[in-house]
Amino acid sequence: MWGSGPSDVWAVGVGGTILRWNGSAWTGVSSGTRTPPLYDVWGSEPSDVWAVGVVGTIMRWNGSAWAGVSSGTTHDLAGVWGSGPSDVWAVGGGGTILRWNGSAWAGISSGTMMGLSGVWGSGPSDVWAVGEGGAILRYRP
């Protein structure tokens, strides 16, 4: 789940399910996909929201519709977080770490093949990822 405020909360799940809370009720929002489960959601603002899921699925909300974005990986993606609209991170299976620079996703070497399930940071130069086997990774350029 992620929200920009009490009247804008997003939840994702199985079958490409995306729900949005408007302050009084949950409403289904079409993701344009039905097959892959979505595992995590994060946004920089109400009109810039990302969701990630199986087989490298990345979806982006532009304020009016969801659309798929090429991730360049077939690994499942389990976590997404960003410091802003031009700095978004996604992590997943096989030690996958991806970073959005505002126009494209690029892979970053994690040094592990362990599955990564969560990502968070305090800013673009201090990002943490966690995963299988107690893996804790930190990105600091």
C-alpha atoms as a PDB file:
ATOM      1  CA  MET A   1       0.000   0.000   0.000  1.00  0.00           C
ATOM      2  CA  TRP A   2       1.000   3.584  -0.604  1.00  0.00           C
ATOM      3  CA  GLY A   3      -0.804   6.880  -0.263  1.00  0.00           C
ATOM      4  CA  SER A   4      -0.190  10.553  -0.872  1.00  0.00           C
ATOM      5  CA  GLY A   5      -2.755  11.471   1.789  1.00  0.00           C
ATOM      6  CA  PRO A   6      -5.962  10.370   3.543  1.00  0.00           C
ATOM      7  CA  SER A   7      -7.997  10.667   0.317  1.00  0.00           C
ATOM      8  CA  ASP A   8      -5.506   8.996  -2.019  1.00  0.00           C
ATOM      9  CA  VAL A   9      -4.359   5.498  -1.030  1.00  0.00           C
ATOM     10  CA  TRP A  10      -3.405   2.674  -3.421  1.00  0.00           C
ATOM     11  CA  ALA A  11      -3.369  -1.111  -2.854  1.00  0.00           C
ATOM     12  CA  VAL A  12      -2.285  -3.820  -5.319  1.00  0.00           C
ATOM     13  CA  GLY A  13      -2.681  -7.600  -5.438  1.00  0.00           C
ATOM     14  CA  VAL A  14      -3.502 -10.782  -7.335  1.00  0.00           C
ATOM     15  CA  GLY A  15      -4.743 -10.812 -10.911  1.00  0.00           C
ATOM     16  CA  GLY A  16      -3.416  -7.310 -11.577  1.00  0.00           C
ATOM     17  CA  THR A  17      -5.812  -5.883  -8.972  1.00  0.00           C
ATOM     18  CA  ILE A  18      -5.373  -2.197  -8.206  1.00  0.00           C
ATOM     19  CA  LEU A  19      -7.616  -0.441  -5.688  1.00  0.00           C
ATOM     20  CA  ARG A  20      -7.777   3.249  -4.812  1.00  0.00           C
ATOM     21  CA  TRP A  21      -9.166   4.783  -1.612  1.00  0.00           C
ATOM     22  CA  ASN A  22     -10.755   8.206  -2.163  1.00  0.00           C
ATOM     23  CA  GLY A  23     -11.347   9.032   1.488  1.00  0.00           C
ATOM     24  CA  SER A  24     -14.674   7.243   1.775  1.00  0.00           C
ATOM     25  CA  ALA A  25     -14.572   4.087  -0.395  1.00  0.00           C
ATOM     26  CA  TRP A  26     -12.281   1.705  -2.265  1.00  0.00           C
ATOM     27  CA  THR A  27     -12.661   1.653  -6.063  1.00  0.00           C
ATOM     28  CA  GLY A  28     -11.141  -0.778  -8.543  1.00  0.00           C
ATOM     29  CA  VAL A  29      -8.899   0.843 -11.161  1.00  0.00           C
ATOM     30  CA  SER A  30      -8.088  -1.060 -14.338  1.00  0.00           C
ATOM     31  CA  SER A  31      -4.411  -1.964 -14.580  1.00  0.00           C
ATOM     32  CA  GLY A  32      -4.750  -3.186 -18.150  1.00  0.00           C
ATOM     33  CA  THR A  33      -3.459  -6.595 -17.054  1.00  0.00           C
ATOM     34  CA  ARG A  34      -5.177  -9.582 -15.439  1.00  0.00           C
ATOM     35  CA  THR A  35      -2.515 -12.263 -15.215  1.00  0.00           C
ATOM     36  CA  PRO A  36       0.357 -11.142 -13.010  1.00  0.00           C
ATOM     37  CA  PRO A  37       0.016 -10.459  -9.330  1.00  0.00           C
ATOM     38  CA  LEU A  38       1.274  -7.041  -8.327  1.00  0.00           C
ATOM     39  CA  TYR A  39       3.344  -7.050  -5.140  1.00  0.00           C
ATOM     40  CA  ASP A  40       4.099  -3.454  -4.229  1.00  0.00           C
ATOM     41  CA  VAL A  41       3.122   0.134  -5.011  1.00  0.00           C
ATOM     42  CA  TRP A  42       4.787   3.520  -4.446  1.00  0.00           C
ATOM     43  CA  GLY A  43       4.351   7.026  -5.781  1.00  0.00           C
ATOM     44  CA  SER A  44       6.047  10.409  -5.770  1.00  0.00           C
ATOM     45  CA  GLU A  45       2.686  12.225  -6.049  1.00  0.00           C
ATOM     46  CA  PRO A  46      -0.958  11.424  -6.890  1.00  0.00           C
ATOM     47  CA  SER A  47      -0.269  11.535 -10.649  1.00  0.00           C
ATOM     48  CA  ASP A  48       2.957   9.479 -10.571  1.00  0.00           C
ATOM     49  CA  VAL A  49       2.469   6.029  -9.030  1.00  0.00           C
ATOM     50  CA  TRP A  50       4.378   2.796  -9.739  1.00  0.00           C
ATOM     51  CA  ALA A  51       3.383  -0.850  -9.174  1.00  0.00           C
ATOM     52  CA  VAL A  52       5.620  -3.922  -9.580  1.00  0.00           C
ATOM     53  CA  GLY A  53       4.950  -7.653  -9.874  1.00  0.00           C
ATOM     54  CA  VAL A  54       5.808 -10.990 -11.425  1.00  0.00           C
ATOM     55  CA  VAL A  55       7.972 -11.560 -14.498  1.00  0.00           C
ATOM     56  CA  GLY A  56       9.393  -8.025 -14.413  1.00  0.00           C
ATOM     57  CA  THR A  57       5.988  -6.330 -14.498  1.00  0.00           C
ATOM     58  CA  ILE A  58       6.141  -2.568 -13.954  1.00  0.00           C
ATOM     59  CA  MET A  59       3.023  -0.419 -14.225  1.00  0.00           C
ATOM     60  CA  ARG A  60       2.848   3.393 -14.031  1.00  0.00           C
ATOM     61  CA  TRP A  61      -0.124   5.645 -13.184  1.00  0.00           C
ATOM     62  CA  ASN A  62       0.001   9.038 -14.927  1.00  0.00           C
ATOM     63  CA  GLY A  63      -2.972  10.569 -13.133  1.00  0.00           C
ATOM     64  CA  SER A  64      -5.600   9.121 -15.444  1.00  0.00           C
ATOM     65  CA  ALA A  65      -4.541   5.588 -16.501  1.00  0.00           C
ATOM     66  CA  TRP A  66      -2.128   2.745 -15.775  1.00  0.00           C
ATOM     67  CA  ALA A  67       0.322   1.633 -18.482  1.00  0.00           C
ATOM     68  CA  GLY A  68       3.040  -0.987 -18.637  1.00  0.00           C
ATOM     69  CA  VAL A  69       6.675   0.150 -18.677  1.00  0.00           C
ATOM     70  CA  SER A  70       9.510  -2.090 -19.882  1.00  0.00           C
ATOM     71  CA  SER A  71      11.684  -3.262 -17.003  1.00  0.00           C
ATOM     72  CA  GLY A  72      14.297  -5.181 -18.982  1.00  0.00           C
ATOM     73  CA  THR A  73      14.055  -8.167 -16.614  1.00  0.00           C
ATOM     74  CA  THR A  74      12.017 -11.343 -16.333  1.00  0.00           C
ATOM     75  CA  HIS A  75      12.647 -11.686 -12.600  1.00  0.00           C
ATOM     76  CA  ASP A  76       9.718 -11.110 -10.285  1.00  0.00           C
ATOM     77  CA  LEU A  77       9.798  -7.634  -8.773  1.00  0.00           C
ATOM     78  CA  ALA A  78       8.698  -7.496  -5.139  1.00  0.00           C
ATOM     79  CA  GLY A  79       9.441  -3.972  -3.938  1.00  0.00           C
ATOM     80  CA  VAL A  80       9.385  -0.402  -5.239  1.00  0.00           C
ATOM     81  CA  TRP A  81      10.367   2.921  -3.650  1.00  0.00           C
ATOM     82  CA  GLY A  82      11.733   6.249  -4.790  1.00  0.00           C
ATOM     83  CA  SER A  83      13.084   9.553  -3.589  1.00  0.00           C
ATOM     84  CA  GLY A  84      11.249  11.431  -6.355  1.00  0.00           C
ATOM     85  CA  PRO A  85       9.794  11.144  -9.860  1.00  0.00           C
ATOM     86  CA  SER A  86      13.238  10.757 -11.486  1.00  0.00           C
ATOM     87  CA  ASP A  87      14.690   8.373  -8.900  1.00  0.00           C
ATOM     88  CA  VAL A  88      12.663   5.181  -8.445  1.00  0.00           C
ATOM     89  CA  TRP A  89      14.044   1.800  -7.367  1.00  0.00           C
ATOM     90  CA  ALA A  90      12.633  -1.711  -7.860  1.00  0.00           C
ATOM     91  CA  VAL A  91      14.004  -4.950  -6.382  1.00  0.00           C
ATOM     92  CA  GLY A  92      13.236  -8.617  -6.881  1.00  0.00           C
ATOM     93  CA  GLY A  93      14.308 -12.151  -7.636  1.00  0.00           C
ATOM     94  CA  GLY A  94      17.870 -13.146  -8.426  1.00  0.00           C
ATOM     95  CA  GLY A  95      19.253 -10.063  -6.671  1.00  0.00           C
ATOM     96  CA  THR A  96      17.579  -7.757  -9.209  1.00  0.00           C
ATOM     97  CA  ILE A  97      17.908  -4.028  -8.570  1.00  0.00           C
ATOM     98  CA  LEU A  98      16.524  -1.554 -11.103  1.00  0.00           C
ATOM     99  CA  ARG A  99      16.673   2.236 -11.051  1.00  0.00           C
ATOM    100  CA  TRP A 100      14.431   4.668 -12.967  1.00  0.00           C
ATOM    101  CA  ASN A 101      16.207   7.874 -13.993  1.00  0.00           C
ATOM    102  CA  GLY A 102      13.149   9.714 -15.247  1.00  0.00           C
ATOM    103  CA  SER A 103      13.129   8.159 -18.703  1.00  0.00           C
ATOM    104  CA  ALA A 104      14.240   4.490 -18.469  1.00  0.00           C
ATOM    105  CA  TRP A 105      14.938   1.621 -16.070  1.00  0.00           C
ATOM    106  CA  ALA A 106      18.531   0.380 -15.753  1.00  0.00           C
ATOM    107  CA  GLY A 107      19.957  -2.545 -13.817  1.00  0.00           C
ATOM    108  CA  ILE A 108      22.341  -2.033 -10.904  1.00  0.00           C
ATOM    109  CA  SER A 109      24.588  -4.852  -9.737  1.00  0.00           C
ATOM    110  CA  SER A 110      23.579  -6.126  -6.313  1.00  0.00           C
ATOM    111  CA  GLY A 111      26.426  -8.603  -5.885  1.00  0.00           C
ATOM    112  CA  THR A 112      23.971 -11.327  -4.847  1.00  0.00           C
ATOM    113  CA  MET A 113      21.625 -13.835  -6.435  1.00  0.00           C
ATOM    114  CA  MET A 114      19.360 -13.864  -3.372  1.00  0.00           C
ATOM    115  CA  GLY A 115      15.816 -12.626  -3.916  1.00  0.00           C
ATOM    116  CA  LEU A 116      15.240  -9.071  -2.735  1.00  0.00           C
ATOM    117  CA  SER A 117      11.823  -8.192  -1.335  1.00  0.00           C
ATOM    118  CA  GLY A 118      11.938  -4.636  -0.040  1.00  0.00           C
ATOM    119  CA  VAL A 119      13.581  -1.307  -0.809  1.00  0.00           C
ATOM    120  CA  TRP A 120      13.643   2.032   1.011  1.00  0.00           C
ATOM    121  CA  GLY A 121      15.982   4.988   1.394  1.00  0.00           C
ATOM    122  CA  SER A 122      16.459   8.408   2.899  1.00  0.00           C
ATOM    123  CA  GLY A 123      17.378   9.903  -0.485  1.00  0.00           C
ATOM    124  CA  PRO A 124      18.906   9.092  -3.894  1.00  0.00           C
ATOM    125  CA  SER A 125      22.358   8.388  -2.445  1.00  0.00           C
ATOM    126  CA  ASP A 126      21.246   6.283   0.545  1.00  0.00           C
ATOM    127  CA  VAL A 127      19.085   3.312  -0.501  1.00  0.00           C
ATOM    128  CA  TRP A 128      18.589   0.007   1.322  1.00  0.00           C
ATOM    129  CA  ALA A 129      17.333  -3.357   0.016  1.00  0.00           C
ATOM    130  CA  VAL A 130      16.454  -6.463   2.043  1.00  0.00           C
ATOM    131  CA  GLY A 131      15.720 -10.043   1.077  1.00  0.00           C
ATOM    132  CA  GLU A 132      16.250 -13.765   1.432  1.00  0.00           C
ATOM    133  CA  GLY A 133      18.665 -15.197   3.935  1.00  0.00           C
ATOM    134  CA  GLY A 134      18.756 -11.951   5.901  1.00  0.00           C
ATOM    135  CA  ALA A 135      20.349 -10.062   3.008  1.00  0.00           C
ATOM    136  CA  ILE A 136      20.686  -6.338   3.702  1.00  0.00           C
ATOM    137  CA  LEU A 137      22.255  -4.206   0.977  1.00  0.00           C
ATOM    138  CA  ARG A 138      23.037  -0.483   0.971  1.00  0.00           C
ATOM    139  CA  TYR A 139      23.630   1.774  -2.018  1.00  0.00           C
ATOM    140  CA  ARG A 140      25.901   4.748  -1.326  1.00  0.00           C
ATOM    141  CA  PRO A 141      27.722   6.179  -4.352  1.00  0.00           C
END
